Amino acid sequence: MAETIWSVFPPILTIVLALATKEVYMSLLIGIFSGAMLYSHFNVIQAILTMFAVMEEKVGGNVNILVFLVVLGILVAAISRSGATEAYGRWAGEQIHGKRSALFLTALLGIIIFIDDYFNCLTVGTVMRPITDRFKVSRAKLAYIIDATAAPVCILAPVSSWAAAVGSSLPEGTSIDGFALFLRTIPVNLYAILTMLFMLFITWTGRDFATMGKVVRENRKEFIVSKEYEDESNKSEAVSLGNGTVFDLMLPIIVLIGACVFGMLYTGGIMEGKSIADAFADCDSAKALVLGSFISFVFVALLYLPRGVLRFNQFCDCFVLGFKAMVPAVFILCLAWTMSGIVSDKYLNLGGYVGQLVQMNSSVGLFLPAIFFVVAGFLAFSTGTSWGTFGILIPIAVAVVGLEQYEMLVLMVAAVLSGAVAGDHASPISDTTILASAGAQCHHIEHVSTQIPYVLLVCACCFVGYIVDGFTKNGFAGLAVGVVLLVGCCLAICAKCEPIEVDEE
């Protein structure tokens, strides 16, 4: 069953079940088990053993991310219980005068935190959720803004963990400078650019449509909070016990950002004489996040306890509260990583099957950027990983085009990056989608179902743009066409949809 059409079955089954039942945990478990059954040729005992072997491997390899999530949950709980969040809410309420301002500030913060998408999702959600809640902004809308300024921003930033992922995806021994190639793809990464433009349009006009429009309208009648975030443990987290100020919220966030950036530079070898660019390119972002979050944890303890902002036992209570708050994200991430493992090259090898299809149809040269965009989107959507998609398709793009046609290679790699981010953005089993839901404290499937129409609209404009790129071999021509199409779509939305969420107070 490996490297055949059957390798597509588990992720497709998972996605269909999740969207149909809105039960993402069970859908993932069924999809993972179906993949294990295919790999073991329907030997039930071997399938169970395979499933948990993959889970052990994937969760063990990503334990730093899980630790980061838990420590961040503890930090959020401590900040909330200190009273700093309430103080920040009162201060921001005086500075921010409505939903539009709150959403623009959310987008701005997401753009500023471009170093890493995991860090982006959770930090933006932590800081901005109390503010958007104050103005009764739909959490589905907040989750979309967070998601749209995570991976799409990181893939445009030369100084980020994503630049390293792209460079490391080139075949070994190639004479191409991976970082220079990445820089060339930035202005022709259509999905990232058009998503930013479309997100700003939606934020400014408030003209939500499709599923998002329905959810936002319902939210205007009654502010909706997902049931999974209404339990007693999370209510307890929100209770303010201390006398914290805005200073007690902003300073830990600044230290967290600075410590994580330092962690990236440190793990990248900045102390060994490497340049800043090289250190970012070679960093271990997972270790950096753990290092940064632990430094911030110690800092918060030293900031709060001596001043009596929180008593010692109150601070220790935040350990359990923070862990409980992160349980949904941790559980979904563990299952999503297991799904990506079961379709990896060690098991069903979905990427190998897709790669064969692409190489068999590589003769349609003029349409290659558009084809690679679609294939990358499908692969990232099915596996929930954009980095894995880079690793599979970029070497294929190099093999298909060759090193001689460098301009075409830039377009092909840009199409792969663009499609991978698009698929990752829409996928219910993507880690960034999961973390955007967690950051906004929005029901995960609601976040997925509300943002998919927005993703598809932008993807349609990108697809036409990459067709133009293939014919003209000029990335800027495709970008111009994509922008014109997006503007046309925005004008059509303005003509048919009334503004829903722009009222200023």
Protein backbone atom coordinates (compact mmCIF):
# COMPACT_ATOMS: atom_id res chain seq x y z
CA MET A 1 0.00 0.00 0.00
CA ALA A 2 3.02 2.31 0.38
CA GLU A 3 3.64 4.92 -2.34
CA THR A 4 0.33 4.14 -4.07
CA ILE A 5 -2.96 5.96 -4.40
CA TRP A 6 -4.00 4.32 -1.12
CA SER A 7 -1.50 6.56 0.70
CA VAL A 8 -3.91 9.45 0.07
CA PHE A 9 -6.77 7.69 1.87
CA PRO A 10 -5.93 8.30 5.59
CA PRO A 11 -5.57 12.12 5.45
CA ILE A 12 -8.57 12.48 3.14
CA LEU A 13 -10.69 10.29 5.47
CA THR A 14 -9.55 12.36 8.46
CA ILE A 15 -10.40 15.66 6.83
CA VAL A 16 -13.82 14.51 5.57
CA LEU A 17 -14.75 13.08 8.99
CA ALA A 18 -13.53 16.19 10.83
CA LEU A 19 -15.52 18.57 8.63
CA ALA A 20 -18.62 16.33 8.68
CA THR A 21 -18.68 15.48 12.40
CA LYS A 22 -16.77 18.45 13.86
CA GLU A 23 -15.05 15.91 16.13
CA VAL A 24 -11.39 16.35 15.30
CA TYR A 25 -9.92 13.97 17.92
CA MET A 26 -11.90 10.93 16.81
CA SER A 27 -11.44 11.82 13.14
CA LEU A 28 -7.67 11.92 13.56
CA LEU A 29 -7.62 8.63 15.47
CA ILE A 30 -9.69 6.91 12.78
CA GLY A 31 -7.50 8.33 10.01
CA ILE A 32 -4.27 7.30 11.77
CA PHE A 33 -5.56 3.79 12.43
CA SER A 34 -6.73 3.40 8.83
CA GLY A 35 -3.21 4.35 7.65
CA ALA A 36 -1.66 1.86 10.05
CA MET A 37 -4.04 -0.84 8.77
CA LEU A 38 -3.03 -0.12 5.17
CA TYR A 39 0.67 -0.21 6.07
CA SER A 40 0.34 -3.50 7.99
CA HIS A 41 -1.82 -5.08 5.26
CA PHE A 42 -4.84 -5.21 7.58
CA ASN A 43 -3.12 -7.04 10.42
CA VAL A 44 -4.94 -5.47 13.38
CA ILE A 45 -2.29 -6.16 16.03
CA GLN A 46 0.52 -4.88 13.81
CA ALA A 47 -1.60 -1.83 12.94
CA ILE A 48 -2.01 -0.93 16.62
CA LEU A 49 1.71 -1.40 17.26
CA THR A 50 2.57 0.66 14.17
CA MET A 51 0.22 3.47 15.22
CA PHE A 52 1.82 3.84 18.64
CA ALA A 53 5.35 3.39 17.27
CA VAL A 54 4.75 6.36 14.95
CA MET A 55 3.23 8.36 17.81
CA GLU A 56 6.22 7.63 20.05
CA GLU A 57 8.62 8.69 17.31
CA LYS A 58 6.81 11.89 16.32
CA VAL A 59 5.89 13.08 19.81
CA GLY A 60 9.39 12.30 21.08
CA GLY A 61 10.91 14.28 18.24
CA ASN A 62 8.68 17.27 18.98
CA VAL A 63 8.80 17.23 22.77
CA ASN A 64 10.38 20.69 22.86
CA ILE A 65 7.31 22.17 21.20
CA LEU A 66 5.05 20.48 23.78
CA VAL A 67 7.18 21.82 26.64
CA PHE A 68 7.04 25.29 25.10
CA LEU A 69 3.24 25.11 24.92
CA VAL A 70 2.93 24.05 28.55
CA VAL A 71 5.35 26.71 29.82
CA LEU A 72 3.54 29.33 27.74
CA GLY A 73 0.23 28.16 29.24
CA ILE A 74 1.72 28.61 32.72
CA LEU A 75 2.89 32.12 31.80
CA VAL A 76 -0.55 33.05 30.47
CA ALA A 77 -2.22 31.71 33.62
CA ALA A 78 0.20 33.63 35.86
CA ILE A 79 -0.31 36.87 33.94
CA SER A 80 -4.11 36.44 34.06
CA ARG A 81 -4.19 35.68 37.79
CA SER A 82 -1.86 38.58 38.56
CA GLY A 83 -4.51 41.04 37.39
CA ALA A 84 -2.22 42.31 34.64
CA THR A 85 -4.56 41.15 31.86
CA GLU A 86 -7.48 43.08 33.36
CA ALA A 87 -5.29 46.16 33.77
CA TYR A 88 -4.15 45.85 30.16
CA GLY A 89 -7.77 45.47 29.06
CA ARG A 90 -8.75 48.68 30.85
CA TRP A 91 -5.78 50.53 29.37
CA ALA A 92 -6.35 49.22 25.86
CA GLY A 93 -10.05 50.03 26.12
CA GLU A 94 -9.05 53.66 26.49
CA GLN A 95 -6.65 53.51 23.54
CA ILE A 96 -8.59 51.24 21.16
CA HIS A 97 -12.01 52.50 20.11
CA GLY A 98 -13.63 49.60 18.32
CA LYS A 99 -13.47 46.28 16.53
CA ARG A 100 -11.58 47.56 13.51
CA SER A 101 -8.82 49.07 15.66
CA ALA A 102 -8.57 45.87 17.72
CA LEU A 103 -8.28 43.71 14.61
CA PHE A 104 -5.71 46.00 12.98
CA LEU A 105 -3.61 45.93 16.14
CA THR A 106 -3.87 42.12 16.10
CA ALA A 107 -2.67 42.04 12.48
CA LEU A 108 0.16 44.47 13.23
CA LEU A 109 1.37 42.40 16.17
CA GLY A 110 1.25 39.26 14.01
CA ILE A 111 3.39 40.95 11.35
CA ILE A 112 5.90 42.18 13.93
CA ILE A 113 6.38 38.69 15.41
CA PHE A 114 7.72 37.13 12.21
CA ILE A 115 10.44 34.94 13.71
CA ASP A 116 8.43 31.74 14.15
CA ASP A 117 4.83 30.75 13.37
CA TYR A 118 4.28 28.73 16.59
CA PHE A 119 5.44 31.62 18.73
CA ASN A 120 3.41 34.04 16.59
CA CYS A 121 0.10 32.17 17.00
CA LEU A 122 0.20 31.80 20.75
CA THR A 123 1.73 35.19 21.62
CA VAL A 124 -0.70 37.19 19.46
CA GLY A 125 -3.66 35.24 20.84
CA THR A 126 -2.51 35.69 24.44
CA VAL A 127 -2.03 39.45 24.11
CA MET A 128 -5.00 40.34 21.90
CA ARG A 129 -7.78 37.95 22.93
CA PRO A 130 -8.78 39.99 26.02
CA ILE A 131 -8.97 43.10 23.85
CA THR A 132 -11.00 41.56 21.03
CA ASP A 133 -13.27 39.91 23.60
CA ARG A 134 -13.89 43.33 25.12
CA PHE A 135 -15.25 44.53 21.77
CA LYS A 136 -17.06 41.21 21.16
CA VAL A 137 -14.99 40.34 18.08
CA SER A 138 -15.80 36.81 16.93
CA ARG A 139 -13.10 34.39 18.03
CA ALA A 140 -13.30 32.73 14.61
CA LYS A 141 -12.36 36.10 13.09
CA LEU A 142 -9.54 36.50 15.59
CA ALA A 143 -8.27 33.00 14.77
CA TYR A 144 -8.25 33.87 11.04
CA ILE A 145 -6.23 37.06 11.62
CA ILE A 146 -3.75 35.12 13.79
CA ASP A 147 -3.41 32.33 11.21
CA ALA A 148 -3.10 34.76 8.29
CA THR A 149 -0.18 36.54 9.98
CA ALA A 150 1.65 33.37 11.04
CA ALA A 151 3.01 31.18 8.21
CA PRO A 152 2.27 33.75 5.43
CA VAL A 153 4.40 36.33 7.28
CA CYS A 154 7.17 33.88 8.24
CA ILE A 155 7.58 32.66 4.64
CA LEU A 156 8.21 36.28 3.56
CA ALA A 157 10.76 37.00 6.29
CA PRO A 158 14.42 36.31 5.44
CA VAL A 159 15.26 36.26 9.16
CA SER A 160 13.07 33.40 10.36
CA SER A 161 13.13 29.68 11.00
CA TRP A 162 11.31 29.18 7.68
CA ALA A 163 14.21 30.50 5.58
CA ALA A 164 16.36 27.72 7.02
CA ALA A 165 13.73 25.09 6.17
CA VAL A 166 13.66 26.17 2.54
CA GLY A 167 17.46 26.22 2.20
CA SER A 168 17.80 22.78 3.78
CA SER A 169 15.29 21.32 1.30
CA LEU A 170 17.64 21.71 -1.67
CA PRO A 171 19.30 18.47 -2.87
CA GLU A 172 22.68 17.72 -1.32
CA GLY A 173 25.64 18.76 -3.43
CA THR A 174 23.75 21.39 -5.40
CA SER A 175 25.66 24.55 -6.29
CA ILE A 176 22.66 26.79 -5.53
CA ASP A 177 22.80 29.12 -2.51
CA GLY A 178 19.62 28.21 -0.63
CA PHE A 179 19.33 31.56 1.16
CA ALA A 180 19.81 33.53 -2.07
CA LEU A 181 17.14 31.37 -3.74
CA PHE A 182 14.77 32.01 -0.85
CA LEU A 183 15.28 35.78 -1.16
CA ARG A 184 14.41 35.61 -4.88
CA THR A 185 11.13 33.81 -4.11
CA ILE A 186 9.85 36.47 -1.68
CA PRO A 187 8.38 38.94 -4.23
CA VAL A 188 6.76 36.10 -6.24
CA ASN A 189 5.30 34.15 -3.32
CA LEU A 190 1.78 34.94 -4.42
CA TYR A 191 -0.22 33.23 -1.68
CA ALA A 192 1.61 34.92 1.19
CA ILE A 193 1.39 38.38 -0.41
CA LEU A 194 -2.24 38.09 -1.52
CA THR A 195 -3.31 36.63 1.83
CA MET A 196 -1.86 39.65 3.63
CA LEU A 197 -3.69 42.01 1.26
CA PHE A 198 -6.97 40.10 1.57
CA MET A 199 -6.69 39.93 5.37
CA LEU A 200 -6.23 43.72 5.50
CA PHE A 201 -9.26 44.16 3.22
CA ILE A 202 -11.48 41.99 5.43
CA THR A 203 -10.21 43.74 8.55
CA TRP A 204 -10.85 47.22 7.15
CA THR A 205 -14.23 46.65 5.52
CA GLY A 206 -15.70 44.01 7.84
CA ARG A 207 -17.41 42.41 4.84
CA ASP A 208 -17.22 38.80 5.92
CA PHE A 209 -18.93 36.19 3.76
CA ALA A 210 -19.64 32.45 3.54
CA THR A 211 -19.24 30.56 6.82
CA MET A 212 -17.31 33.38 8.47
CA GLY A 213 -20.11 35.82 7.70
CA LYS A 214 -22.66 33.50 9.32
CA VAL A 215 -20.55 33.03 12.46
CA VAL A 216 -19.84 36.76 12.80
CA ARG A 217 -23.56 37.59 12.46
CA GLU A 218 -24.45 35.06 15.15
CA ASN A 219 -21.69 36.50 17.33
CA ARG A 220 -23.22 39.98 17.10
CA LYS A 221 -26.42 38.67 18.69
CA GLU A 222 -24.63 36.74 21.44
CA PHE A 223 -20.88 36.61 22.09
CA ILE A 224 -19.88 32.98 21.53
CA VAL A 225 -17.15 31.13 23.45
CA SER A 226 -16.40 27.51 22.56
CA LYS A 227 -17.54 24.98 25.15
CA GLU A 228 -14.04 23.55 25.53
CA TYR A 229 -12.93 26.94 26.90
CA GLU A 230 -15.89 27.42 29.24
CA ASP A 231 -15.06 24.73 31.79
CA GLU A 232 -14.28 25.51 35.39
CA SER A 233 -10.51 25.24 35.04
CA ASN A 234 -10.38 28.01 32.46
CA LYS A 235 -12.80 30.14 34.45
CA SER A 236 -10.45 29.75 37.40
CA GLU A 237 -7.55 30.84 35.23
CA ALA A 238 -9.32 34.08 34.40
CA VAL A 239 -9.88 35.03 38.08
CA SER A 240 -7.59 37.91 39.00
CA LEU A 241 -6.01 37.44 42.41
CA GLY A 242 -3.23 40.03 42.28
CA ASN A 243 -2.70 43.74 41.80
CA GLY A 244 -0.82 43.54 38.52
CA THR A 245 -0.46 46.48 36.16
CA VAL A 246 0.01 46.90 32.41
CA PHE A 247 3.74 46.81 33.14
CA ASP A 248 3.30 43.27 34.53
CA LEU A 249 1.87 42.07 31.21
CA MET A 250 3.99 43.95 28.71
CA LEU A 251 7.37 43.31 30.33
CA PRO A 252 6.97 39.46 30.36
CA ILE A 253 5.85 39.54 26.70
CA ILE A 254 8.85 41.68 25.72
CA VAL A 255 11.20 39.37 27.65
CA LEU A 256 9.57 36.32 26.03
CA ILE A 257 10.08 37.73 22.53
CA GLY A 258 13.64 38.80 23.26
CA ALA A 259 14.52 35.49 24.94
CA CYS A 260 13.13 33.46 22.03
CA VAL A 261 15.07 35.55 19.51
CA PHE A 262 18.20 35.09 21.64
CA GLY A 263 17.47 31.34 21.78
CA MET A 264 17.35 31.17 17.98
CA LEU A 265 20.62 33.05 17.65
CA TYR A 266 22.26 30.94 20.37
CA THR A 267 21.19 27.56 18.94
CA GLY A 268 22.23 28.82 15.50
CA GLY A 269 25.80 29.41 16.64
CA ILE A 270 25.97 33.18 17.18
CA MET A 271 28.40 32.53 20.07
CA GLU A 272 30.63 30.57 17.71
CA GLY A 273 31.22 33.53 15.44
CA LYS A 274 28.41 33.08 12.91
CA SER A 275 26.67 36.10 11.44
CA ILE A 276 23.11 36.93 12.50
CA ALA A 277 21.72 35.73 9.14
CA ASP A 278 23.64 32.45 9.35
CA ALA A 279 22.62 31.93 12.97
CA PHE A 280 18.93 32.33 12.10
CA ALA A 281 19.38 30.01 9.13
CA ASP A 282 21.00 27.28 11.27
CA CYS A 283 18.90 27.67 14.43
CA ASP A 284 16.90 24.95 16.16
CA SER A 285 13.63 26.85 16.60
CA ALA A 286 12.06 24.24 18.90
CA LYS A 287 14.97 24.38 21.35
CA ALA A 288 15.03 28.16 21.05
CA LEU A 289 11.36 28.41 22.04
CA VAL A 290 11.90 26.18 25.09
CA LEU A 291 14.94 28.23 26.13
CA GLY A 292 13.09 31.51 25.64
CA SER A 293 9.94 30.40 27.44
CA PHE A 294 11.88 29.06 30.46
CA ILE A 295 13.88 32.30 30.75
CA SER A 296 10.55 34.17 30.67
CA PHE A 297 9.09 31.83 33.29
CA VAL A 298 11.97 32.55 35.68
CA PHE A 299 11.69 36.26 34.92
CA VAL A 300 7.95 36.31 35.72
CA ALA A 301 8.58 34.52 39.04
CA LEU A 302 11.23 37.11 39.96
CA LEU A 303 8.96 39.94 38.81
CA TYR A 304 5.82 38.84 40.66
CA LEU A 305 6.84 37.04 43.85
CA PRO A 306 9.14 39.59 45.57
CA ARG A 307 6.62 42.39 44.88
CA GLY A 308 3.67 40.34 46.14
CA VAL A 309 1.80 40.55 42.83
CA LEU A 310 1.09 36.82 43.38
CA ARG A 311 1.74 34.77 46.48
CA PHE A 312 3.94 31.68 46.14
CA ASN A 313 1.05 29.18 46.33
CA GLN A 314 -0.99 31.22 43.84
CA PHE A 315 1.94 31.20 41.42
CA CYS A 316 2.32 27.42 41.82
CA ASP A 317 -1.40 26.91 41.12
CA CYS A 318 -0.72 28.33 37.64
CA PHE A 319 1.25 25.19 36.76
CA VAL A 320 -1.88 23.04 36.67
CA LEU A 321 -4.07 25.78 35.21
CA GLY A 322 -1.62 26.47 32.39
CA PHE A 323 -1.26 22.80 31.55
CA LYS A 324 -5.04 22.30 31.47
CA ALA A 325 -5.47 25.29 29.16
CA MET A 326 -3.05 23.77 26.66
CA VAL A 327 -4.44 20.21 26.73
CA PRO A 328 -6.64 20.62 23.58
CA ALA A 329 -3.72 22.01 21.54
CA VAL A 330 -1.26 19.41 22.85
CA PHE A 331 -3.62 16.50 22.14
CA ILE A 332 -4.47 17.63 18.62
CA LEU A 333 -0.81 18.33 17.84
CA CYS A 334 0.23 14.85 18.99
CA LEU A 335 -2.42 13.27 16.76
CA ALA A 336 -1.59 15.55 13.81
CA TRP A 337 2.12 14.69 14.08
CA THR A 338 1.21 11.01 14.17
CA MET A 339 -0.86 11.44 10.99
CA SER A 340 2.07 13.15 9.26
CA GLY A 341 4.28 10.26 10.39
CA ILE A 342 1.99 7.52 9.05
CA VAL A 343 2.06 9.10 5.57
CA SER A 344 5.81 9.84 5.68
CA ASP A 345 8.43 8.10 3.56
CA LYS A 346 9.03 5.50 6.29
CA TYR A 347 5.46 4.24 6.07
CA LEU A 348 2.82 5.01 3.37
CA ASN A 349 5.09 7.53 1.57
CA LEU A 350 2.40 9.87 0.31
CA GLY A 351 5.11 12.32 -0.78
CA GLY A 352 6.77 9.67 -2.95
CA TYR A 353 3.49 8.90 -4.68
CA VAL A 354 2.79 12.59 -5.34
CA GLY A 355 6.38 13.05 -6.54
CA GLN A 356 5.96 10.24 -9.07
CA LEU A 357 2.81 11.85 -10.44
CA VAL A 358 4.54 15.21 -10.81
CA GLN A 359 7.58 13.76 -12.59
CA MET A 360 5.38 11.69 -14.94
CA ASN A 361 3.58 14.86 -16.01
CA SER A 362 6.53 17.23 -16.16
CA SER A 363 6.25 17.71 -19.91
CA VAL A 364 3.65 20.48 -19.67
CA GLY A 365 6.35 23.05 -19.05
CA LEU A 366 4.31 26.25 -19.33
CA PHE A 367 1.92 25.10 -16.62
CA LEU A 368 4.58 23.79 -14.24
CA PRO A 369 4.40 26.65 -11.68
CA ALA A 370 0.61 26.28 -11.48
CA ILE A 371 0.87 22.49 -11.26
CA PHE A 372 3.45 22.65 -8.48
CA PHE A 373 1.30 25.20 -6.64
CA VAL A 374 -1.70 22.85 -6.71
CA VAL A 375 0.31 19.74 -5.83
CA ALA A 376 2.05 21.53 -2.93
CA GLY A 377 -1.29 22.78 -1.66
CA PHE A 378 -2.83 19.31 -1.81
CA LEU A 379 0.17 17.69 -0.14
CA ALA A 380 0.36 20.26 2.68
CA PHE A 381 -3.42 20.09 3.20
CA SER A 382 -3.32 16.28 3.39
CA THR A 383 -0.29 15.97 5.66
CA GLY A 384 -0.63 19.17 7.70
CA THR A 385 3.01 20.12 7.17
CA SER A 386 4.39 22.83 4.93
CA TRP A 387 8.02 22.06 5.82
CA GLY A 388 7.57 18.42 4.83
CA THR A 389 6.08 19.61 1.55
CA PHE A 390 9.16 21.77 0.92
CA GLY A 391 11.39 18.77 1.52
CA ILE A 392 9.47 16.60 -0.93
CA LEU A 393 8.76 18.98 -3.82
CA ILE A 394 11.74 21.37 -3.96
CA PRO A 395 14.19 18.57 -4.94
CA ILE A 396 11.65 17.45 -7.58
CA ALA A 397 11.42 21.02 -8.91
CA VAL A 398 15.23 21.15 -9.18
CA ALA A 399 15.25 17.79 -11.01
CA VAL A 400 12.47 18.82 -13.41
CA VAL A 401 13.75 22.30 -14.33
CA GLY A 402 17.50 21.90 -13.81
CA LEU A 403 19.98 24.44 -12.53
CA GLU A 404 20.45 26.11 -15.90
CA GLN A 405 16.96 27.65 -16.03
CA TYR A 406 17.43 29.63 -12.83
CA GLU A 407 14.57 32.09 -13.36
CA MET A 408 12.13 29.25 -13.97
CA LEU A 409 13.50 27.44 -10.93
CA VAL A 410 12.80 30.52 -8.79
CA LEU A 411 9.18 30.51 -10.02
CA MET A 412 8.83 26.79 -9.36
CA VAL A 413 10.21 27.02 -5.83
CA ALA A 414 8.04 30.08 -5.15
CA ALA A 415 5.00 28.10 -6.34
CA VAL A 416 5.94 25.23 -4.01
CA LEU A 417 6.34 27.58 -1.03
CA SER A 418 3.12 29.38 -1.90
CA GLY A 419 1.11 26.19 -2.29
CA ALA A 420 2.60 24.64 0.85
CA VAL A 421 1.62 27.65 2.96
CA ALA A 422 -1.86 27.67 1.39
CA GLY A 423 -2.42 23.98 2.14
CA ASP A 424 -1.02 24.38 5.64
CA HIS A 425 -3.25 27.41 6.20
CA ALA A 426 -6.41 25.48 5.30
CA SER A 427 -5.61 22.05 6.74
CA PRO A 428 -7.45 21.00 9.93
CA ILE A 429 -4.45 18.84 10.89
CA SER A 430 -1.85 21.58 10.44
CA ASP A 431 0.00 22.53 13.62
CA THR A 432 -0.26 26.27 12.89
CA THR A 433 -4.01 25.98 12.29
CA ILE A 434 -4.32 24.12 15.60
CA LEU A 435 -2.24 26.73 17.43
CA ALA A 436 -4.20 29.61 15.89
CA SER A 437 -7.37 27.99 17.27
CA ALA A 438 -5.69 27.59 20.66
CA GLY A 439 -4.38 31.16 20.67
CA ALA A 440 -7.84 32.57 19.90
CA GLN A 441 -9.53 29.94 22.12
CA CYS A 442 -11.83 29.18 19.20
CA HIS A 443 -13.34 25.76 18.43
CA HIS A 444 -10.86 24.18 16.03
CA ILE A 445 -13.29 22.99 13.36
CA GLU A 446 -15.11 26.33 13.44
CA HIS A 447 -11.79 28.05 12.71
CA VAL A 448 -11.08 25.66 9.84
CA SER A 449 -14.55 25.91 8.28
CA THR A 450 -14.66 29.71 8.50
CA GLN A 451 -11.26 30.35 6.93
CA ILE A 452 -11.36 27.75 4.12
CA PRO A 453 -13.53 29.96 1.80
CA TYR A 454 -11.06 32.82 2.28
CA VAL A 455 -8.11 30.53 1.54
CA LEU A 456 -9.79 29.13 -1.60
CA LEU A 457 -10.54 32.62 -2.96
CA VAL A 458 -6.90 33.68 -2.59
CA CYS A 459 -5.72 30.34 -4.02
CA ALA A 460 -7.83 30.87 -7.15
CA CYS A 461 -6.12 34.22 -7.78
CA CYS A 462 -2.70 32.63 -7.16
CA PHE A 463 -3.43 29.74 -9.54
CA VAL A 464 -4.14 32.15 -12.41
CA GLY A 465 -1.07 34.18 -11.45
CA TYR A 466 1.19 31.13 -11.66
CA ILE A 467 -0.27 30.20 -15.05
CA VAL A 468 0.77 33.67 -16.22
CA ASP A 469 4.19 33.14 -14.64
CA GLY A 470 4.63 29.92 -16.61
CA PHE A 471 3.83 31.57 -19.94
CA THR A 472 5.77 34.80 -19.36
CA LYS A 473 8.56 33.38 -17.15
CA ASN A 474 8.22 36.66 -15.27
CA GLY A 475 7.09 36.41 -11.65
CA PHE A 476 6.04 40.03 -11.45
CA ALA A 477 3.57 39.55 -14.31
CA GLY A 478 1.87 36.79 -12.35
CA LEU A 479 1.89 38.92 -9.20
CA ALA A 480 0.26 41.82 -11.07
CA VAL A 481 -2.45 39.53 -12.48
CA GLY A 482 -3.04 37.99 -9.05
CA VAL A 483 -3.40 41.40 -7.41
CA VAL A 484 -5.81 42.58 -10.13
CA LEU A 485 -7.93 39.45 -9.72
CA LEU A 486 -7.95 39.86 -5.94
CA VAL A 487 -9.00 43.50 -6.25
CA GLY A 488 -11.82 42.40 -8.57
CA CYS A 489 -12.94 39.79 -6.02
CA CYS A 490 -12.84 42.40 -3.26
CA LEU A 491 -14.97 44.79 -5.31
CA ALA A 492 -17.49 41.99 -5.92
CA ILE A 493 -17.57 41.24 -2.19
CA CYS A 494 -18.16 44.93 -1.45
CA ALA A 495 -21.06 44.95 -3.92
CA LYS A 496 -22.76 41.85 -2.49
CA CYS A 497 -21.91 41.80 1.22
CA GLU A 498 -22.84 44.30 3.89
CA PRO A 499 -20.20 45.24 6.48
CA ILE A 500 -20.70 43.21 9.66
CA GLU A 501 -17.85 43.80 12.10
CA VAL A 502 -16.50 47.34 11.73
CA ASP A 503 -18.56 49.42 14.16
CA GLU A 504 -16.43 51.72 16.27
CA GLU A 505 -17.36 52.42 19.87
